[in-house]
């Protein structure tokens, strides 16, 4: 119970992350957060551990704000989430005009072809398998962040 309340406090106090990390596995989340720290994005990342928290976080963001920095620029989404699954979160994100253009990268351990096909059908921007080696995991996260937040030219807001 305490974990849930601290997570919701985290959600309500931030509201201005460049990256929203949606990952329930503590080891994977730790690896990703460490990689984001090495990239210089640790203080611009919000981590939630289930689909309900992800949707709650996004509903707390002021999309009408004049500050584009209040809207996440990238969502790293696990599929195997508790409470509300990753595919449902993706469906919500891509059907909402306010979140439709936020790049969503699915990071998963699932090799289920139907999840891959459904993710692209719903509008995922990229579907990436999580590597098992920690060093490759960190390199992968750095590459993803570098591409979506530095190299890629997003559409005008």
N, C-alpha and C. Protein backbone atom coordinates (compact mmCIF):
# COMPACT_ATOMS: atom_id res chain seq x y z
N UNK A 1 0.81 -1.20 0.00
CA UNK A 1 0.00 0.00 0.00
C UNK A 1 0.85 1.26 0.00
N UNK A 2 1.90 1.29 0.81
CA UNK A 2 2.75 2.47 0.86
C UNK A 2 3.37 2.75 -0.50
N UNK A 3 3.71 1.67 -1.22
CA UNK A 3 4.34 1.87 -2.53
C UNK A 3 3.39 2.60 -3.47
N UNK A 4 2.09 2.21 -3.43
CA UNK A 4 1.12 2.87 -4.31
C UNK A 4 0.99 4.35 -3.99
N UNK A 5 0.94 4.70 -2.70
CA UNK A 5 0.77 6.11 -2.36
C UNK A 5 2.00 6.92 -2.73
N UNK A 6 3.19 6.34 -2.57
CA UNK A 6 4.38 7.10 -2.96
C UNK A 6 4.45 7.27 -4.46
N UNK A 7 3.96 6.27 -5.20
CA UNK A 7 3.95 6.38 -6.66
C UNK A 7 3.01 7.49 -7.10
N UNK A 8 1.83 7.56 -6.47
CA UNK A 8 0.89 8.60 -6.88
C UNK A 8 1.39 9.97 -6.47
N UNK A 9 2.14 10.07 -5.37
CA UNK A 9 2.73 11.35 -5.00
C UNK A 9 3.74 11.76 -6.06
N UNK A 10 4.50 10.79 -6.55
CA UNK A 10 5.48 11.06 -7.59
C UNK A 10 4.79 11.57 -8.85
N UNK A 11 3.66 10.96 -9.16
CA UNK A 11 2.92 11.36 -10.36
C UNK A 11 2.44 12.80 -10.25
N UNK A 12 1.84 13.15 -9.13
CA UNK A 12 1.25 14.48 -9.02
C UNK A 12 2.29 15.60 -8.87
N UNK A 13 3.46 15.31 -8.35
CA UNK A 13 4.43 16.38 -8.12
C UNK A 13 5.22 16.73 -9.37
N UNK A 14 5.38 15.83 -10.30
CA UNK A 14 6.23 16.10 -11.46
C UNK A 14 5.44 16.74 -12.60
N UNK A 15 4.84 15.91 -13.47
CA UNK A 15 4.03 16.44 -14.54
C UNK A 15 4.81 17.14 -15.64
N UNK A 16 6.15 17.03 -15.69
CA UNK A 16 6.90 17.76 -16.71
C UNK A 16 8.12 16.98 -17.20
N UNK A 17 8.03 15.66 -17.23
CA UNK A 17 9.15 14.84 -17.68
C UNK A 17 9.23 14.80 -19.20
N UNK A 18 10.45 14.72 -19.72
CA UNK A 18 10.64 14.48 -21.16
C UNK A 18 10.34 13.03 -21.50
N UNK A 19 10.64 12.14 -20.55
CA UNK A 19 10.47 10.70 -20.78
C UNK A 19 9.57 10.14 -19.70
N UNK A 20 8.57 9.38 -20.13
CA UNK A 20 7.74 8.63 -19.21
C UNK A 20 8.12 7.17 -19.37
N UNK A 21 8.69 6.59 -18.33
CA UNK A 21 9.08 5.19 -18.31
C UNK A 21 7.99 4.41 -17.60
N UNK A 22 7.38 3.45 -18.31
CA UNK A 22 6.31 2.63 -17.76
C UNK A 22 6.84 1.19 -17.70
N UNK A 23 7.33 0.82 -16.52
CA UNK A 23 8.00 -0.48 -16.35
C UNK A 23 7.74 -1.01 -14.95
N UNK A 24 7.21 -2.24 -14.86
CA UNK A 24 6.92 -2.81 -13.55
C UNK A 24 8.05 -3.66 -12.99
N UNK A 25 8.93 -4.17 -13.81
CA UNK A 25 10.03 -5.01 -13.35
C UNK A 25 11.12 -4.12 -12.74
N UNK A 26 11.40 -4.33 -11.45
CA UNK A 26 12.34 -3.47 -10.73
C UNK A 26 13.74 -3.52 -11.33
N UNK A 27 14.19 -4.69 -11.76
CA UNK A 27 15.53 -4.82 -12.34
C UNK A 27 15.61 -4.08 -13.66
N UNK A 28 14.61 -4.28 -14.52
CA UNK A 28 14.60 -3.58 -15.82
C UNK A 28 14.49 -2.08 -15.63
N UNK A 29 13.64 -1.65 -14.70
CA UNK A 29 13.49 -0.21 -14.44
C UNK A 29 14.81 0.37 -13.96
N UNK A 30 15.49 -0.33 -13.08
CA UNK A 30 16.77 0.14 -12.57
C UNK A 30 17.81 0.27 -13.69
N UNK A 31 17.85 -0.74 -14.56
CA UNK A 31 18.79 -0.68 -15.70
C UNK A 31 18.47 0.50 -16.61
N UNK A 32 17.19 0.71 -16.88
CA UNK A 32 16.79 1.82 -17.76
C UNK A 32 17.09 3.16 -17.12
N UNK A 33 16.78 3.30 -15.85
CA UNK A 33 17.04 4.57 -15.17
C UNK A 33 18.54 4.85 -15.09
N UNK A 34 19.33 3.82 -14.90
CA UNK A 34 20.79 4.01 -14.89
C UNK A 34 21.27 4.45 -16.28
N UNK A 35 20.74 3.83 -17.32
CA UNK A 35 21.11 4.22 -18.68
C UNK A 35 20.68 5.65 -18.98
N UNK A 36 19.50 6.03 -18.52
CA UNK A 36 19.01 7.40 -18.72
C UNK A 36 19.87 8.41 -17.97
N UNK A 37 20.37 8.00 -16.82
CA UNK A 37 21.27 8.87 -16.06
C UNK A 37 22.56 9.10 -16.85
N UNK A 38 23.09 8.05 -17.45
CA UNK A 38 24.32 8.18 -18.25
C UNK A 38 24.11 9.08 -19.46
N UNK A 39 22.87 9.12 -19.97
CA UNK A 39 22.53 9.98 -21.11
C UNK A 39 22.22 11.40 -20.67
N UNK A 40 22.12 11.63 -19.38
CA UNK A 40 21.78 12.96 -18.89
C UNK A 40 20.30 13.23 -18.82
N UNK A 41 19.48 12.19 -18.88
CA UNK A 41 18.02 12.38 -18.86
C UNK A 41 17.38 11.88 -17.57
N UNK A 42 18.16 11.52 -16.57
CA UNK A 42 17.58 10.98 -15.35
C UNK A 42 16.68 11.98 -14.62
N UNK A 43 17.05 13.24 -14.62
CA UNK A 43 16.23 14.23 -13.94
C UNK A 43 15.04 14.69 -14.79
N UNK A 44 14.96 14.18 -16.01
CA UNK A 44 13.86 14.53 -16.91
C UNK A 44 13.02 13.30 -17.24
N UNK A 45 13.09 12.29 -16.34
CA UNK A 45 12.37 11.04 -16.54
C UNK A 45 11.44 10.80 -15.36
N UNK A 46 10.23 10.40 -15.66
CA UNK A 46 9.27 9.99 -14.63
C UNK A 46 9.04 8.49 -14.81
N UNK A 47 9.13 7.74 -13.72
CA UNK A 47 8.93 6.29 -13.78
C UNK A 47 7.65 5.93 -13.05
N UNK A 48 6.79 5.17 -13.72
CA UNK A 48 5.60 4.60 -13.11
C UNK A 48 5.67 3.10 -13.34
N UNK A 49 5.00 2.33 -12.48
CA UNK A 49 5.17 0.88 -12.54
C UNK A 49 3.96 0.09 -12.99
N UNK A 50 2.93 0.76 -13.45
CA UNK A 50 1.81 0.01 -14.04
C UNK A 50 1.03 0.91 -15.00
N UNK A 51 0.15 0.29 -15.76
CA UNK A 51 -0.60 1.02 -16.78
C UNK A 51 -1.54 2.07 -16.21
N UNK A 52 -2.13 1.78 -15.06
CA UNK A 52 -3.05 2.75 -14.44
C UNK A 52 -2.29 4.01 -14.04
N UNK A 53 -1.08 3.85 -13.48
CA UNK A 53 -0.28 5.01 -13.10
C UNK A 53 0.14 5.81 -14.34
N UNK A 54 0.43 5.12 -15.43
CA UNK A 54 0.82 5.82 -16.66
C UNK A 54 -0.33 6.69 -17.16
N UNK A 55 -1.53 6.13 -17.19
CA UNK A 55 -2.68 6.91 -17.66
C UNK A 55 -3.01 8.03 -16.69
N UNK A 56 -2.85 7.78 -15.39
CA UNK A 56 -3.08 8.83 -14.39
C UNK A 56 -2.07 9.96 -14.56
N UNK A 57 -0.80 9.60 -14.76
CA UNK A 57 0.25 10.60 -14.96
C UNK A 57 -0.10 11.48 -16.16
N UNK A 58 -0.45 10.85 -17.26
CA UNK A 58 -0.74 11.62 -18.48
C UNK A 58 -2.00 12.46 -18.33
N UNK A 59 -2.95 11.99 -17.55
CA UNK A 59 -4.15 12.81 -17.34
C UNK A 59 -3.86 14.02 -16.46
N UNK A 60 -2.75 13.97 -15.70
CA UNK A 60 -2.39 15.10 -14.84
C UNK A 60 -1.57 16.16 -15.58
N UNK A 61 -1.09 15.83 -16.78
CA UNK A 61 -0.28 16.77 -17.57
C UNK A 61 -1.19 17.82 -18.17
N UNK A 62 -0.75 19.07 -18.12
CA UNK A 62 -1.52 20.16 -18.69
C UNK A 62 -1.17 20.30 -20.17
N UNK A 63 -1.96 19.69 -21.03
CA UNK A 63 -1.70 19.72 -22.46
C UNK A 63 -2.01 21.09 -23.07
N UNK A 64 -2.73 21.92 -22.33
CA UNK A 64 -3.06 23.25 -22.84
C UNK A 64 -2.02 24.29 -22.43
N UNK A 65 -1.04 23.85 -21.67
CA UNK A 65 0.01 24.75 -21.20
C UNK A 65 0.78 25.33 -22.37
N UNK A 66 1.24 26.54 -22.19
CA UNK A 66 2.07 27.17 -23.22
C UNK A 66 3.47 26.57 -23.22
N UNK A 67 3.79 25.78 -22.18
CA UNK A 67 5.11 25.17 -22.08
C UNK A 67 5.08 23.76 -22.66
N UNK A 68 5.67 23.53 -23.84
CA UNK A 68 5.69 22.19 -24.40
C UNK A 68 6.48 21.22 -23.51
N UNK A 69 7.31 21.75 -22.62
CA UNK A 69 8.08 20.87 -21.74
C UNK A 69 7.20 20.15 -20.72
N UNK A 70 5.95 20.55 -20.60
CA UNK A 70 5.07 19.87 -19.65
C UNK A 70 4.54 18.56 -20.21
N UNK A 71 4.75 18.30 -21.47
CA UNK A 71 4.27 17.09 -22.12
C UNK A 71 5.45 16.16 -22.37
N UNK A 72 5.32 14.86 -22.01
CA UNK A 72 6.42 13.94 -22.30
C UNK A 72 6.74 13.92 -23.80
N UNK A 73 8.00 13.84 -24.11
CA UNK A 73 8.44 13.79 -25.51
C UNK A 73 8.65 12.36 -25.98
N UNK A 74 8.65 11.40 -25.03
CA UNK A 74 8.88 10.00 -25.35
C UNK A 74 8.29 9.15 -24.24
N UNK A 75 7.64 8.04 -24.64
CA UNK A 75 7.12 7.09 -23.67
C UNK A 75 7.77 5.73 -23.94
N UNK A 76 8.43 5.20 -22.92
CA UNK A 76 9.02 3.87 -22.98
C UNK A 76 8.05 2.95 -22.24
N UNK A 77 7.45 2.02 -22.96
CA UNK A 77 6.32 1.25 -22.44
C UNK A 77 6.57 -0.25 -22.47
N UNK A 78 6.47 -0.86 -21.30
CA UNK A 78 6.50 -2.32 -21.20
C UNK A 78 5.10 -2.83 -21.53
N UNK A 79 4.99 -4.03 -22.08
CA UNK A 79 3.66 -4.58 -22.38
C UNK A 79 3.08 -5.34 -21.20
N UNK A 80 3.90 -6.09 -20.48
CA UNK A 80 3.42 -6.94 -19.39
C UNK A 80 3.28 -6.18 -18.10
N UNK A 81 2.29 -5.30 -18.04
CA UNK A 81 2.09 -4.45 -16.86
C UNK A 81 0.92 -4.95 -16.02
N UNK A 82 1.01 -4.73 -14.69
CA UNK A 82 -0.14 -5.04 -13.85
C UNK A 82 -1.20 -3.94 -13.96
N UNK A 83 -2.38 -4.24 -13.45
CA UNK A 83 -3.55 -3.35 -13.41
C UNK A 83 -4.10 -3.10 -14.80
N UNK A 84 -3.40 -2.33 -15.62
CA UNK A 84 -3.82 -2.09 -17.01
C UNK A 84 -2.62 -2.45 -17.88
N UNK A 85 -2.82 -3.38 -18.80
CA UNK A 85 -1.73 -3.87 -19.65
C UNK A 85 -1.21 -2.83 -20.63
N UNK A 86 -0.01 -3.08 -21.13
CA UNK A 86 0.65 -2.16 -22.05
C UNK A 86 -0.11 -1.92 -23.34
N UNK A 87 -0.73 -2.97 -23.89
CA UNK A 87 -1.49 -2.77 -25.13
C UNK A 87 -2.69 -1.85 -24.90
N UNK A 88 -3.33 -1.97 -23.75
CA UNK A 88 -4.45 -1.08 -23.44
C UNK A 88 -3.97 0.36 -23.28
N UNK A 89 -2.83 0.53 -22.61
CA UNK A 89 -2.26 1.88 -22.46
C UNK A 89 -1.94 2.45 -23.84
N UNK A 90 -1.32 1.65 -24.69
CA UNK A 90 -0.99 2.10 -26.05
C UNK A 90 -2.26 2.49 -26.81
N UNK A 91 -3.30 1.69 -26.70
CA UNK A 91 -4.58 1.98 -27.37
C UNK A 91 -5.11 3.34 -26.91
N UNK A 92 -5.07 3.59 -25.59
CA UNK A 92 -5.54 4.86 -25.04
C UNK A 92 -4.70 6.03 -25.56
N UNK A 93 -3.37 5.85 -25.55
CA UNK A 93 -2.47 6.93 -25.98
C UNK A 93 -2.70 7.31 -27.44
N UNK A 94 -2.81 6.31 -28.29
CA UNK A 94 -2.91 6.58 -29.72
C UNK A 94 -4.32 6.96 -30.16
N UNK A 95 -5.32 6.78 -29.29
CA UNK A 95 -6.68 7.19 -29.65
C UNK A 95 -7.01 8.58 -29.10
N UNK A 96 -6.16 9.12 -28.25
CA UNK A 96 -6.38 10.43 -27.66
C UNK A 96 -5.62 11.48 -28.47
N UNK A 97 -6.30 12.49 -29.02
CA UNK A 97 -5.60 13.50 -29.82
C UNK A 97 -4.49 14.23 -29.07
N UNK A 98 -4.59 14.31 -27.74
CA UNK A 98 -3.57 15.00 -26.96
C UNK A 98 -2.27 14.20 -26.85
N UNK A 99 -2.35 12.88 -26.92
CA UNK A 99 -1.17 12.04 -26.74
C UNK A 99 -0.78 11.27 -28.00
N UNK A 100 -1.58 11.36 -29.02
CA UNK A 100 -1.38 10.58 -30.25
C UNK A 100 0.02 10.75 -30.86
N UNK A 101 0.56 11.97 -30.81
CA UNK A 101 1.85 12.24 -31.47
C UNK A 101 3.07 12.01 -30.59
N UNK A 102 2.87 11.63 -29.34
CA UNK A 102 4.02 11.32 -28.48
C UNK A 102 4.58 9.97 -28.94
N UNK A 103 5.86 9.93 -29.29
CA UNK A 103 6.44 8.64 -29.69
C UNK A 103 6.37 7.63 -28.54
N UNK A 104 5.90 6.43 -28.87
CA UNK A 104 5.83 5.35 -27.90
C UNK A 104 6.72 4.22 -28.39
N UNK A 105 7.69 3.85 -27.56
CA UNK A 105 8.56 2.72 -27.86
C UNK A 105 8.20 1.61 -26.88
N UNK A 106 7.74 0.49 -27.43
CA UNK A 106 7.46 -0.68 -26.60
C UNK A 106 8.78 -1.39 -26.36
N UNK A 107 9.09 -1.61 -25.09
CA UNK A 107 10.26 -2.40 -24.69
C UNK A 107 9.71 -3.62 -23.98
N UNK A 108 9.96 -4.79 -24.55
CA UNK A 108 9.32 -6.00 -24.02
C UNK A 108 10.23 -7.20 -24.08
N UNK A 109 9.90 -8.19 -23.28
CA UNK A 109 10.57 -9.48 -23.33
C UNK A 109 9.71 -10.47 -24.10
N UNK A 110 8.52 -10.06 -24.47
CA UNK A 110 7.56 -10.93 -25.14
C UNK A 110 7.93 -11.16 -26.61
N UNK A 111 7.95 -12.40 -26.98
CA UNK A 111 8.19 -12.75 -28.38
C UNK A 111 6.90 -13.23 -29.04
N UNK A 112 5.78 -12.84 -28.47
CA UNK A 112 4.48 -13.25 -29.00
C UNK A 112 4.16 -12.39 -30.22
N UNK A 113 4.07 -13.02 -31.37
CA UNK A 113 3.87 -12.31 -32.64
C UNK A 113 2.61 -11.45 -32.64
N UNK A 114 1.54 -11.94 -32.01
CA UNK A 114 0.30 -11.17 -32.00
C UNK A 114 0.47 -9.85 -31.26
N UNK A 115 1.31 -9.80 -30.21
CA UNK A 115 1.55 -8.55 -29.50
C UNK A 115 2.32 -7.57 -30.37
N UNK A 116 3.26 -8.09 -31.13
CA UNK A 116 4.01 -7.25 -32.08
C UNK A 116 3.06 -6.67 -33.12
N UNK A 117 2.25 -7.52 -33.71
CA UNK A 117 1.31 -7.06 -34.75
C UNK A 117 0.29 -6.09 -34.18
N UNK A 118 -0.24 -6.39 -33.00
CA UNK A 118 -1.24 -5.51 -32.38
C UNK A 118 -0.64 -4.16 -32.01
N UNK A 119 0.61 -4.17 -31.54
CA UNK A 119 1.28 -2.91 -31.18
C UNK A 119 1.38 -1.99 -32.39
N UNK A 120 1.80 -2.53 -33.53
CA UNK A 120 1.91 -1.70 -34.73
C UNK A 120 0.53 -1.30 -35.25
N UNK A 121 -0.43 -2.19 -35.12
CA UNK A 121 -1.80 -1.86 -35.54
C UNK A 121 -2.34 -0.68 -34.73
N UNK A 122 -1.97 -0.63 -33.45
CA UNK A 122 -2.42 0.46 -32.58
C UNK A 122 -1.63 1.75 -32.76
N UNK A 123 -0.50 1.69 -33.47
CA UNK A 123 0.25 2.91 -33.76
C UNK A 123 1.55 3.08 -33.01
N UNK A 124 2.11 1.99 -32.45
CA UNK A 124 3.39 2.12 -31.75
C UNK A 124 4.44 2.65 -32.73
N UNK A 125 5.37 3.43 -32.23
CA UNK A 125 6.42 3.99 -33.09
C UNK A 125 7.59 3.03 -33.25
N UNK A 126 7.79 2.17 -32.26
CA UNK A 126 8.88 1.20 -32.33
C UNK A 126 8.61 0.08 -31.34
N UNK A 127 8.99 -1.14 -31.72
CA UNK A 127 8.81 -2.33 -30.88
C UNK A 127 10.18 -2.95 -30.72
N UNK A 128 10.69 -2.97 -29.49
CA UNK A 128 12.07 -3.38 -29.25
C UNK A 128 12.11 -4.50 -28.20
N UNK A 129 12.87 -5.54 -28.48
CA UNK A 129 13.07 -6.63 -27.53
C UNK A 129 14.12 -6.21 -26.50
N UNK A 130 13.84 -6.48 -25.24
CA UNK A 130 14.79 -6.17 -24.16
C UNK A 130 15.94 -7.17 -24.22
N UNK A 131 17.18 -6.68 -24.30
CA UNK A 131 18.31 -7.60 -24.26
C UNK A 131 18.50 -8.16 -22.84
N UNK A 132 19.15 -9.30 -22.76
CA UNK A 132 19.35 -9.92 -21.45
C UNK A 132 20.59 -9.40 -20.75
N UNK A 133 21.58 -8.94 -21.49
CA UNK A 133 22.81 -8.43 -20.89
C UNK A 133 22.63 -6.97 -20.47
N UNK A 134 23.07 -6.66 -19.25
CA UNK A 134 22.91 -5.31 -18.70
C UNK A 134 23.60 -4.26 -19.57
N UNK A 135 24.80 -4.55 -20.07
CA UNK A 135 25.52 -3.55 -20.87
C UNK A 135 24.80 -3.28 -22.18
N UNK A 136 24.22 -4.30 -22.79
CA UNK A 136 23.47 -4.10 -24.03
C UNK A 136 22.16 -3.37 -23.76
N UNK A 137 21.59 -3.62 -22.59
CA UNK A 137 20.35 -2.95 -22.19
C UNK A 137 20.60 -1.45 -22.10
N UNK A 138 21.68 -1.07 -21.43
CA UNK A 138 22.02 0.34 -21.26
C UNK A 138 22.31 0.99 -22.60
N UNK A 139 23.02 0.29 -23.47
CA UNK A 139 23.34 0.81 -24.81
C UNK A 139 22.07 1.01 -25.63
N UNK A 140 21.15 0.05 -25.54
CA UNK A 140 19.89 0.13 -26.27
C UNK A 140 19.07 1.34 -25.83
N UNK A 141 18.95 1.53 -24.53
CA UNK A 141 18.19 2.68 -24.01
C UNK A 141 18.82 3.99 -24.47
N UNK A 142 20.14 4.06 -24.40
CA UNK A 142 20.85 5.28 -24.83
C UNK A 142 20.58 5.54 -26.31
N UNK A 143 20.60 4.50 -27.13
CA UNK A 143 20.34 4.66 -28.57
C UNK A 143 18.91 5.13 -28.82
N UNK A 144 17.95 4.55 -28.11
CA UNK A 144 16.55 4.93 -28.28
C UNK A 144 16.34 6.40 -27.92
N UNK A 145 16.85 6.79 -26.76
CA UNK A 145 16.68 8.17 -26.30
C UNK A 145 17.38 9.13 -27.24
N UNK A 146 18.58 8.79 -27.64
CA UNK A 146 19.32 9.66 -28.57
C UNK A 146 18.54 9.85 -29.87
N UNK A 147 17.99 8.75 -30.39
CA UNK A 147 17.24 8.86 -31.64
C UNK A 147 15.99 9.74 -31.46
N UNK A 148 15.13 9.40 -30.49
CA UNK A 148 13.84 10.08 -30.37
C UNK A 148 13.93 11.50 -29.82
N UNK A 149 14.93 11.78 -28.99
CA UNK A 149 14.99 13.11 -28.37
C UNK A 149 16.08 14.02 -28.94
N UNK A 150 17.00 13.47 -29.70
CA UNK A 150 18.07 14.29 -30.26
C UNK A 150 18.03 14.28 -31.80
N UNK A 151 17.98 13.10 -32.40
CA UNK A 151 18.07 12.98 -33.86
C UNK A 151 16.73 13.24 -34.55
N UNK A 152 15.69 12.59 -34.08
CA UNK A 152 14.38 12.67 -34.73
C UNK A 152 13.82 14.09 -34.68
N UNK A 153 13.21 14.51 -35.76
CA UNK A 153 12.54 15.81 -35.84
C UNK A 153 11.05 15.58 -35.65
N UNK A 154 10.50 15.96 -34.48
CA UNK A 154 9.07 15.72 -34.23
C UNK A 154 8.20 16.69 -35.03
N UNK A 155 6.92 16.31 -35.18
CA UNK A 155 6.00 17.22 -35.86
C UNK A 155 5.78 18.47 -35.01
N UNK A 156 5.45 19.60 -35.62
CA UNK A 156 5.19 20.83 -34.84
C UNK A 156 3.99 20.61 -33.92
N UNK A 157 4.04 21.26 -32.78
CA UNK A 157 2.96 21.11 -31.79
C UNK A 157 1.77 21.93 -32.18
